[in-house]
Protein backbone atom coordinates (compact mmCIF):
# COMPACT_ATOMS: atom_id res chain seq x y z
CA MET A 1 0.17 0.06 -0.10
CA HIS A 2 2.75 2.49 0.73
CA ALA A 3 4.57 1.57 -2.47
CA GLN A 4 0.95 2.53 -4.18
CA ASP A 5 0.60 5.83 -2.28
CA ASP A 6 4.15 6.85 -3.09
CA ALA A 7 3.62 6.18 -6.67
CA ALA A 8 0.20 8.24 -6.61
CA ARG A 9 2.04 11.05 -5.00
CA GLU A 10 5.11 11.18 -7.50
CA LEU A 11 2.66 11.20 -10.35
CA PHE A 12 0.33 13.72 -8.84
CA ARG A 13 3.69 15.66 -8.24
CA ARG A 14 4.47 15.31 -11.99
CA GLY A 15 1.03 16.28 -13.11
CA ALA A 16 0.98 19.44 -10.98
CA GLU A 17 4.45 20.35 -12.89
CA ALA A 18 3.32 19.80 -16.15
CA TYR A 19 0.15 21.80 -15.68
CA GLY A 20 2.04 24.73 -14.44
CA ALA A 21 4.14 24.47 -17.50
CA GLU A 22 1.04 24.49 -19.62
CA ARG A 23 1.80 20.84 -20.75
CA TYR A 24 -1.57 19.90 -20.14
CA ALA A 25 -1.69 16.60 -22.33
CA GLU A 26 1.17 15.78 -20.18
CA ALA A 27 -0.29 16.75 -16.95
CA LEU A 28 -3.57 14.90 -17.81
CA GLU A 29 -1.78 11.57 -18.30
CA ALA A 30 -0.26 11.66 -14.93
CA PHE A 31 -3.35 12.77 -13.01
CA GLU A 32 -5.10 9.94 -14.69
CA ALA A 33 -2.39 7.33 -13.73
CA SER A 34 -2.21 9.05 -10.26
CA TYR A 35 -6.02 8.34 -9.56
CA ARG A 36 -5.84 5.02 -10.64
CA HIS A 37 -3.03 4.17 -7.94
CA ARG A 38 -5.12 5.80 -5.60
CA GLU A 39 -8.67 7.67 -5.62
CA VAL A 40 -8.33 10.78 -3.90
CA PRO A 41 -10.91 13.41 -4.90
CA VAL A 42 -8.25 16.12 -5.04
CA VAL A 43 -6.89 14.58 -8.10
CA LEU A 44 -10.26 14.60 -9.79
CA PHE A 45 -10.36 18.31 -9.34
CA ASN A 46 -6.80 18.35 -10.89
CA LEU A 47 -8.25 16.18 -13.64
CA ALA A 48 -11.31 18.35 -14.21
CA GLN A 49 -9.00 21.65 -14.43
CA THR A 50 -6.90 19.94 -16.80
CA LEU A 51 -9.56 18.85 -19.19
CA ARG A 52 -10.97 22.43 -19.49
CA ALA A 53 -7.57 23.55 -20.28
CA LEU A 54 -7.61 20.99 -23.26
CA ASP A 55 -11.26 22.22 -24.03
CA ARG A 56 -12.83 19.40 -23.43
CA PRO A 57 -15.90 20.50 -21.73
CA ALA A 58 -17.98 17.47 -21.25
CA GLU A 59 -15.40 15.57 -19.72
CA ALA A 60 -14.32 18.35 -17.36
CA ILE A 61 -17.85 18.67 -16.30
CA GLU A 62 -18.19 14.86 -15.27
CA ALA A 63 -14.85 15.41 -13.33
CA TYR A 64 -15.98 18.16 -11.70
CA ARG A 65 -19.26 16.42 -10.51
CA ARG A 66 -17.31 13.31 -9.50
CA TYR A 67 -15.25 15.73 -7.43
CA LEU A 68 -18.44 17.22 -5.68
CA ARG A 69 -19.88 13.87 -4.77
CA THR A 70 -16.58 12.22 -3.39
CA ASP A 71 -14.94 15.12 -1.61
CA GLU A 72 -16.62 15.20 1.70
CA THR A 73 -14.31 17.93 3.01
CA LEU A 74 -15.77 20.94 0.76
CA ASP A 75 -16.90 23.68 2.33
CA ASP A 76 -20.11 25.71 0.90
CA GLU A 77 -17.61 28.40 -0.75
CA ARG A 78 -15.44 25.72 -2.63
CA ARG A 79 -18.43 23.83 -3.81
CA THR A 80 -20.17 27.14 -5.04
CA ALA A 81 -17.07 28.18 -6.89
CA VAL A 82 -16.90 24.58 -8.72
CA GLU A 83 -20.65 24.54 -9.61
CA SER A 84 -20.06 27.87 -11.17
CA VAL A 85 -17.65 26.32 -13.37
CA ILE A 86 -19.82 23.82 -14.17
CA ALA A 87 -22.66 26.30 -15.22
CA GLU A 88 -19.98 28.03 -17.22
CA LEU A 89 -18.98 25.27 -19.41
CA ALA A 90 -22.78 23.75 -19.68
CA PRO A 91 -23.70 25.82 -22.88
CA SER A 92 -21.11 24.09 -24.79
CA VAL A 93 -22.36 20.75 -24.24
CA ALA A 94 -25.42 18.70 -24.83
CA LEU A 95 -26.68 17.35 -21.31
CA VAL A 96 -28.59 13.76 -21.87
CA ARG A 97 -30.96 12.43 -19.71
CA LEU A 98 -30.39 8.65 -19.59
CA GLU A 99 -33.15 6.26 -18.60
CA VAL A 100 -31.40 2.69 -18.87
CA THR A 101 -32.58 -0.89 -17.90
CA PRO A 102 -31.74 -2.99 -16.13
CA GLU A 103 -29.58 -1.12 -13.28
CA GLY A 104 -26.07 -1.83 -13.23
CA THR A 105 -25.74 -1.32 -17.19
CA ALA A 106 -22.81 0.05 -18.29
CA LEU A 107 -22.88 3.04 -20.52
CA SER A 108 -20.22 4.77 -22.76
CA VAL A 109 -20.27 7.40 -25.71
CA ASP A 110 -17.56 7.28 -28.24
CA GLY A 111 -15.46 4.71 -25.90
CA ARG A 112 -15.68 7.16 -22.89
CA ALA A 113 -17.23 5.55 -19.85
CA LEU A 114 -20.30 7.50 -18.50
CA GLY A 115 -21.08 5.05 -15.53
CA VAL A 116 -23.75 2.59 -14.54
CA ALA A 117 -27.36 2.73 -14.32
CA PRO A 118 -29.38 4.34 -12.87
CA PHE A 119 -28.18 7.67 -13.76
CA ALA A 120 -29.62 10.44 -11.46
CA GLU A 121 -28.81 13.34 -13.38
CA PRO A 122 -28.02 13.98 -17.07
CA VAL A 123 -24.95 13.45 -18.34
CA ALA A 124 -22.63 15.89 -20.40
CA VAL A 125 -21.80 14.98 -23.81
CA ASP A 126 -19.87 17.00 -26.53
CA PRO A 127 -22.21 18.18 -29.43
CA GLY A 128 -22.20 16.14 -32.95
CA ALA A 129 -23.09 12.65 -33.60
CA ARG A 130 -22.41 10.60 -30.73
CA ARG A 131 -22.30 6.63 -30.51
CA PHE A 132 -23.53 5.38 -27.11
CA GLU A 133 -23.10 1.78 -26.06
CA ALA A 134 -24.88 -0.16 -23.47
CA THR A 135 -23.79 -3.52 -21.85
CA ALA A 136 -24.77 -5.65 -19.06
CA GLU A 137 -24.22 -9.10 -17.99
CA GLY A 138 -26.72 -11.52 -19.43
CA HIS A 139 -28.11 -9.18 -21.59
CA VAL A 140 -27.62 -8.18 -25.56
CA ASP A 141 -25.42 -5.06 -25.98
CA ALA A 142 -27.01 -2.03 -27.63
CA THR A 143 -25.82 0.82 -29.54
CA ARG A 144 -27.59 4.16 -30.33
CA THR A 145 -26.51 7.39 -32.21
CA LEU A 146 -27.78 10.63 -31.15
CA GLN A 147 -27.16 13.94 -33.16
CA LEU A 148 -26.56 16.45 -30.41
CA GLU A 149 -26.27 20.17 -30.12
CA ALA A 150 -24.87 22.22 -27.73
CA GLY A 151 -26.85 23.89 -25.05
CA ARG A 152 -29.80 21.60 -26.11
CA PRO A 153 -31.04 19.07 -23.66
CA ALA A 154 -31.79 15.34 -25.22
CA ARG A 155 -33.12 12.09 -23.68
CA LEU A 156 -32.08 8.56 -24.63
CA ARG A 157 -33.37 5.27 -23.71
CA PHE A 158 -32.13 1.87 -23.48
CA ALA A 159 -33.96 -1.38 -22.48
CA LEU A 160 -31.71 -4.13 -23.16
CA ARG A 161 -33.10 -7.44 -23.65
CA PRO A 162 -31.92 -10.75 -22.08
CA ALA A 163 -29.63 -12.85 -24.00
CA THR A 164 -30.75 -16.10 -25.22
CA PRO A 165 -28.66 -18.82 -23.42
CA ALA A 166 -25.74 -20.06 -25.65
CA GLY A 167 -22.95 -22.25 -25.69
CA THR A 168 -19.56 -22.20 -27.34
CA LEU A 169 -18.37 -24.28 -30.37
CA ARG A 170 -14.55 -24.74 -30.72
CA LEU A 171 -13.88 -26.40 -33.85
CA ARG A 172 -10.82 -27.36 -35.95
CA ALA A 173 -10.44 -29.08 -39.29
CA ASN A 174 -7.22 -30.93 -41.00
CA VAL A 175 -7.66 -28.66 -43.95
CA GLU A 176 -6.73 -25.19 -43.72
CA GLY A 177 -9.09 -22.92 -45.76
CA ALA A 178 -11.97 -25.13 -45.30
CA THR A 179 -15.22 -23.58 -44.43
CA LEU A 180 -18.05 -24.21 -41.89
CA ARG A 181 -21.42 -23.93 -42.83
CA VAL A 182 -23.95 -23.34 -39.63
CA GLY A 183 -27.10 -21.69 -39.06
CA GLY A 184 -27.17 -19.85 -42.46
CA ASP A 185 -23.54 -18.27 -41.93
CA THR A 186 -20.22 -19.27 -43.44
CA PHE A 187 -17.09 -19.09 -41.67
CA SER A 188 -13.57 -19.80 -43.02
CA LEU A 189 -11.36 -22.22 -40.91
CA GLY A 190 -7.37 -21.42 -40.17
CA THR A 191 -4.78 -23.23 -38.52
CA GLU A 192 -6.26 -21.88 -35.17
CA PRO A 193 -9.48 -23.40 -33.69
CA LEU A 194 -12.63 -21.44 -34.87
CA GLU A 195 -14.69 -20.30 -31.49
CA LEU A 196 -18.30 -19.46 -31.98
CA ARG A 197 -21.15 -18.59 -29.60
CA LEU A 198 -24.46 -20.67 -30.55
CA ASP A 199 -27.56 -20.43 -29.07
CA VAL A 200 -28.62 -23.54 -27.16
CA GLY A 201 -30.03 -26.57 -29.07
CA GLN A 202 -29.09 -28.51 -32.01
CA HIS A 203 -27.42 -27.08 -34.93
CA ASP A 204 -26.78 -28.97 -38.35
CA TYR A 205 -23.41 -28.15 -39.79
CA THR A 206 -21.31 -29.00 -42.83
CA VAL A 207 -17.48 -28.51 -43.22
CA GLU A 208 -16.13 -28.66 -47.17
CA ALA A 209 -13.21 -28.06 -48.74
CA ASP A 210 -12.24 -28.16 -52.51
CA GLY A 211 -10.95 -31.71 -53.22
CA PHE A 212 -12.46 -33.14 -50.02
CA ARG A 213 -15.78 -34.97 -49.06
CA ASP A 214 -18.08 -32.95 -47.04
CA HIS A 215 -18.67 -33.49 -43.61
CA GLU A 216 -21.92 -33.20 -42.05
CA GLY A 217 -23.16 -33.73 -38.53
CA VAL A 218 -25.65 -32.51 -36.02
CA LEU A 219 -24.28 -30.30 -32.80
CA ASP A 220 -26.28 -30.13 -29.68
CA LEU A 221 -25.27 -27.39 -27.33
CA GLU A 222 -26.51 -26.81 -23.64
CA ALA A 223 -25.94 -23.57 -22.20
CA ASP A 224 -22.51 -22.42 -21.37
CA GLN A 225 -21.23 -25.35 -22.74
CA THR A 226 -18.25 -25.52 -24.87
CA ARG A 227 -18.04 -28.16 -27.33
CA GLU A 228 -14.85 -29.20 -29.07
CA LEU A 229 -14.88 -30.90 -32.73
CA ALA A 230 -12.07 -32.04 -34.70
CA ILE A 231 -13.26 -32.61 -37.90
CA THR A 232 -11.11 -34.90 -40.53
CA LEU A 233 -11.91 -34.04 -44.04
CA GLU A 234 -11.36 -37.21 -46.63
CA ARG A 235 -10.00 -36.35 -50.06
CA ARG A 236 -12.16 -37.18 -52.86
CA ARG A 237 -10.41 -39.83 -55.07
CA SER A 238 -9.93 -38.84 -58.85
CA LEU A 239 -11.13 -40.71 -61.72
CA ALA A 240 -7.41 -41.92 -62.06
CA HIS A 241 -7.99 -44.09 -58.78
CA GLN A 242 -11.70 -45.48 -59.53
CA TRP A 243 -10.66 -49.04 -60.22
CA TRP A 244 -14.37 -49.99 -61.77
CA LEU A 245 -13.70 -47.35 -64.19
CA TRP A 246 -10.33 -48.72 -65.53
CA ALA A 247 -11.75 -51.89 -65.37
CA GLY A 248 -14.39 -51.18 -67.63
CA VAL A 249 -12.31 -49.35 -69.95
CA GLY A 250 -9.99 -52.05 -69.73
CA GLY A 251 -12.69 -54.56 -70.98
CA ALA A 252 -13.83 -52.17 -73.46
CA VAL A 253 -10.04 -51.97 -74.99
CA LEU A 254 -9.47 -55.40 -74.68
CA LEU A 255 -12.91 -56.28 -76.66
CA GLY A 256 -11.72 -53.76 -79.38
CA VAL A 257 -8.41 -55.62 -79.60
CA VAL A 258 -10.36 -58.94 -79.80
CA ILE A 259 -12.66 -57.66 -82.49
CA ALA A 260 -9.77 -56.07 -84.65
CA LEU A 261 -8.02 -59.40 -84.50
CA ALA A 262 -11.00 -61.54 -85.44
CA VAL A 263 -11.27 -59.31 -88.31
CA ALA A 264 -7.78 -59.47 -89.23
CA LEU A 265 -7.11 -63.06 -88.82
CA PRO A 266 -8.01 -65.38 -92.23
CA SER A 267 -10.98 -67.42 -91.60
CA ARG A 268 -9.15 -70.57 -92.49
CA VAL A 269 -6.86 -71.94 -89.95
CA ASP A 270 -3.22 -71.51 -91.03
CA PRO A 271 -0.66 -73.96 -90.38
CA LEU A 272 1.23 -71.35 -88.58
CA GLU A 273 -1.64 -70.63 -86.06
CA GLY A 274 0.38 -71.81 -83.18
CA ASN A 275 2.88 -68.84 -83.62
CA LEU A 276 -0.20 -66.24 -83.38
CA PRO A 277 -2.58 -65.77 -80.55
CA THR A 278 -6.08 -66.88 -81.20
CA VAL A 279 -9.35 -65.11 -79.81
CA GLU A 280 -9.50 -67.74 -76.91
CA ALA A 281 -6.07 -67.09 -76.16
CA LEU A 282 -6.45 -63.31 -75.97
CA TRP A 283 -9.35 -63.76 -73.63
CA ALA A 284 -7.35 -66.11 -71.39
CA ARG A 285 -4.43 -63.66 -70.79
């Protein structure tokens, strides 16, 4: 703990030094690192001041608000001073009232974390087209995009639906570049196992690759189950390897030879017939 406190203190000192030299980006990085080591309210105040200097009003407002919520030693005069700065910045941002269910849903805007539901007061967001994302365990993630205007309030509702119970398929095949077809989707297989989240229940699947026989099967998945499949595709045998085809072709060739010889041989038996193959001799070979 002492080492963590020392690190937080040193980072805070660096941040204050950079802020005094108007190296605001450097100061912000140091203050954020300091707060990660130890959540001290005064660091939030310095963060807010730095964000204000960087002309990032929405983030500055949220940092000032967190400072007001967490610093229990604030006197009325300082609280009033901070609130006046928030009021000064408010016209340059959009204040968005968030109505989010279920409770505990985490919300972010353009990758910046806003907190978890419920939200007691509107959040400050920079104007423009902003992408909000909501996530909650056991629910399907959702996104919304709002066009926000500075100084105009807005409202955003998220009602996440429960996720369908699912399991995991981890599949590998002996042929790189093979494809998996399941649930109407197609996936390419590489050297590493392919991992998919699928709804519980039965799934028909096909693994295929050029020059190989298709492998078809049925997969039965239970909730939170991980099924591992190792598929071995068998090569298709080319016509050159089909013994029955060559047996037929060989028979046809042989029959042609027999017919040709039968036509070529004289109708009478020649005294030298012992030196020439007869039709019977050809068949006997």
